[in-house]
């Protein structure tokens, strides 16, 4: 169970990032997908957003270039044009999700440090047991 705790916390962090925006989108999806091209663009925009969130959650995403950043901004603006009117609400919900995910990532960091401390304590106990208390 202990080995499953960190991956489950990563999954919770991802869900915290996604769920506020996803719930609002699902509630109002009829107004965003009135035509087939809008459906396709939103699908690709959603896939891109999920891919970026996954890579961010696992710590792989590093945007070091302004070109990369603005290419992503352009791609999102084009693909998610159908929801641009609600951008204020979506950005707020994304912020709420990121705050929740940040809290979960703090818990992950704390858990990793506890695990390291326990391993160190176990190693010290083994050394003490092998040397009969003489270190």
Protein backbone atom coordinates (compact mmCIF):
# COMPACT_ATOMS: atom_id res chain seq x y z
CA UNK A 1 0.00 0.00 0.00
CA UNK A 2 2.85 2.34 0.82
CA UNK A 3 4.28 2.12 -2.71
CA UNK A 4 0.87 2.98 -4.16
CA UNK A 5 0.46 6.14 -2.06
CA UNK A 6 2.74 8.42 -4.15
CA UNK A 7 1.25 7.41 -7.55
CA UNK A 8 -2.25 7.85 -6.13
CA UNK A 9 -1.29 11.32 -4.91
CA UNK A 10 0.04 12.17 -8.40
CA UNK A 11 -3.29 11.03 -9.85
CA UNK A 12 -5.12 13.17 -7.30
CA UNK A 13 -2.95 16.15 -8.24
CA UNK A 14 -3.85 15.66 -11.91
CA UNK A 15 -7.55 15.35 -11.10
CA UNK A 16 -7.41 18.52 -9.00
CA UNK A 17 -5.95 20.36 -12.00
CA UNK A 18 -8.55 19.08 -14.44
CA UNK A 19 -11.84 18.63 -12.61
CA UNK A 20 -12.94 22.23 -11.96
CA UNK A 21 -12.58 23.16 -15.65
CA UNK A 22 -13.98 19.84 -16.88
CA UNK A 23 -17.07 20.06 -14.69
CA UNK A 24 -17.86 23.59 -15.88
CA UNK A 25 -17.27 22.57 -19.50
CA UNK A 26 -19.56 19.55 -19.19
CA UNK A 27 -22.30 21.65 -17.63
CA UNK A 28 -22.18 24.15 -20.52
CA UNK A 29 -21.00 21.90 -23.37
CA UNK A 30 -24.06 22.52 -25.56
CA UNK A 31 -23.09 26.15 -26.10
CA UNK A 32 -19.51 25.23 -27.09
CA UNK A 33 -20.10 22.48 -29.64
CA UNK A 34 -22.81 23.77 -31.93
CA UNK A 35 -20.98 22.85 -35.19
CA UNK A 36 -18.77 19.95 -36.23
CA UNK A 37 -15.62 22.06 -36.81
CA UNK A 38 -15.99 23.48 -33.30
CA UNK A 39 -16.28 19.95 -31.92
CA UNK A 40 -13.10 18.86 -33.70
CA UNK A 41 -11.15 21.95 -32.62
CA UNK A 42 -12.28 21.56 -29.01
CA UNK A 43 -11.36 17.87 -29.10
CA UNK A 44 -7.81 18.65 -30.26
CA UNK A 45 -7.56 21.54 -27.79
CA UNK A 46 -8.72 19.29 -24.98
CA UNK A 47 -6.23 16.56 -25.93
CA UNK A 48 -3.44 19.17 -26.03
CA UNK A 49 -4.50 20.54 -22.64
CA UNK A 50 -4.59 17.08 -21.06
CA UNK A 51 -1.18 16.21 -22.53
CA UNK A 52 0.29 19.40 -21.10
CA UNK A 53 -1.33 18.80 -17.71
CA UNK A 54 -0.01 15.23 -17.57
CA UNK A 55 3.53 16.28 -18.46
CA UNK A 56 3.31 19.11 -15.91
CA UNK A 57 1.99 16.79 -13.22
CA UNK A 58 4.81 14.28 -13.62
CA UNK A 59 7.39 17.08 -13.82
CA UNK A 60 8.47 16.65 -17.44
CA UNK A 61 7.14 19.92 -18.85
CA UNK A 62 9.76 22.64 -19.10
CA UNK A 63 9.00 25.69 -21.25
CA UNK A 64 12.31 27.51 -21.65
CA UNK A 65 11.62 29.34 -24.89
CA UNK A 66 9.31 32.26 -25.62
CA UNK A 67 8.69 30.69 -29.03
CA UNK A 68 7.38 27.49 -27.41
CA UNK A 69 5.26 29.43 -24.95
CA UNK A 70 3.59 31.61 -27.57
CA UNK A 71 3.18 28.67 -29.96
CA UNK A 72 1.19 26.96 -27.20
CA UNK A 73 -0.81 30.14 -26.54
CA UNK A 74 -1.61 30.43 -30.26
CA UNK A 75 -2.56 26.75 -30.51
CA UNK A 76 -4.86 27.02 -27.51
CA UNK A 77 -6.43 30.26 -28.76
CA UNK A 78 -7.15 28.68 -32.15
CA UNK A 79 -8.31 25.29 -30.92
CA UNK A 80 -10.34 26.57 -27.99
CA UNK A 81 -11.90 29.52 -29.81
CA UNK A 82 -15.38 28.21 -28.96
CA UNK A 83 -14.86 28.76 -25.25
CA UNK A 84 -13.05 32.10 -25.49
CA UNK A 85 -16.11 34.01 -24.23
CA UNK A 86 -15.89 32.12 -20.94
CA UNK A 87 -12.12 32.46 -20.66
CA UNK A 88 -12.38 34.41 -17.41
CA UNK A 89 -14.38 31.63 -15.75
CA UNK A 90 -12.16 28.88 -17.19
CA UNK A 91 -8.97 30.64 -16.11
CA UNK A 92 -10.35 31.11 -12.58
CA UNK A 93 -11.35 27.44 -12.39
CA UNK A 94 -7.92 26.43 -13.70
CA UNK A 95 -6.36 28.59 -10.97
CA UNK A 96 -8.50 26.88 -8.32
CA UNK A 97 -7.46 23.49 -9.71
CA UNK A 98 -3.79 24.47 -9.68
CA UNK A 99 -4.01 25.63 -6.06
CA UNK A 100 -5.54 22.28 -5.10
CA UNK A 101 -2.90 20.41 -7.13
CA UNK A 102 -0.16 22.47 -5.45
CA UNK A 103 -1.44 21.40 -2.05
CA UNK A 104 -1.41 17.76 -3.16
CA UNK A 105 2.16 18.18 -4.51
CA UNK A 106 3.20 19.53 -1.09
CA UNK A 107 1.73 16.38 0.46
CA UNK A 108 3.68 14.27 -2.08
CA UNK A 109 6.91 16.07 -1.16
CA UNK A 110 6.24 15.56 2.54
CA UNK A 111 5.48 11.88 2.01
CA UNK A 112 8.69 11.35 0.02
CA UNK A 113 10.72 12.97 2.79
CA UNK A 114 9.01 10.77 5.40
CA UNK A 115 9.82 7.70 3.28
CA UNK A 116 13.49 8.74 3.04
CA UNK A 117 13.63 9.34 6.78
CA UNK A 118 12.12 5.90 7.50
CA UNK A 119 14.65 4.22 5.19
CA UNK A 120 17.50 6.04 6.91
CA UNK A 121 16.21 5.03 10.33
CA UNK A 122 15.90 1.40 9.22
CA UNK A 123 19.43 1.44 7.84
CA UNK A 124 20.78 2.87 11.12
CA UNK A 125 18.88 0.24 13.12
CA UNK A 126 20.35 -2.53 10.94
CA UNK A 127 23.88 -1.21 11.46
CA UNK A 128 23.34 -0.96 15.20
CA UNK A 129 21.91 -4.50 15.29
CA UNK A 130 24.84 -5.91 13.28
CA UNK A 131 27.45 -4.22 15.44
CA UNK A 132 25.70 -4.95 18.74
CA UNK A 133 25.30 -1.25 19.44
CA UNK A 134 28.93 -0.39 18.76
CA UNK A 135 29.20 2.12 16.02
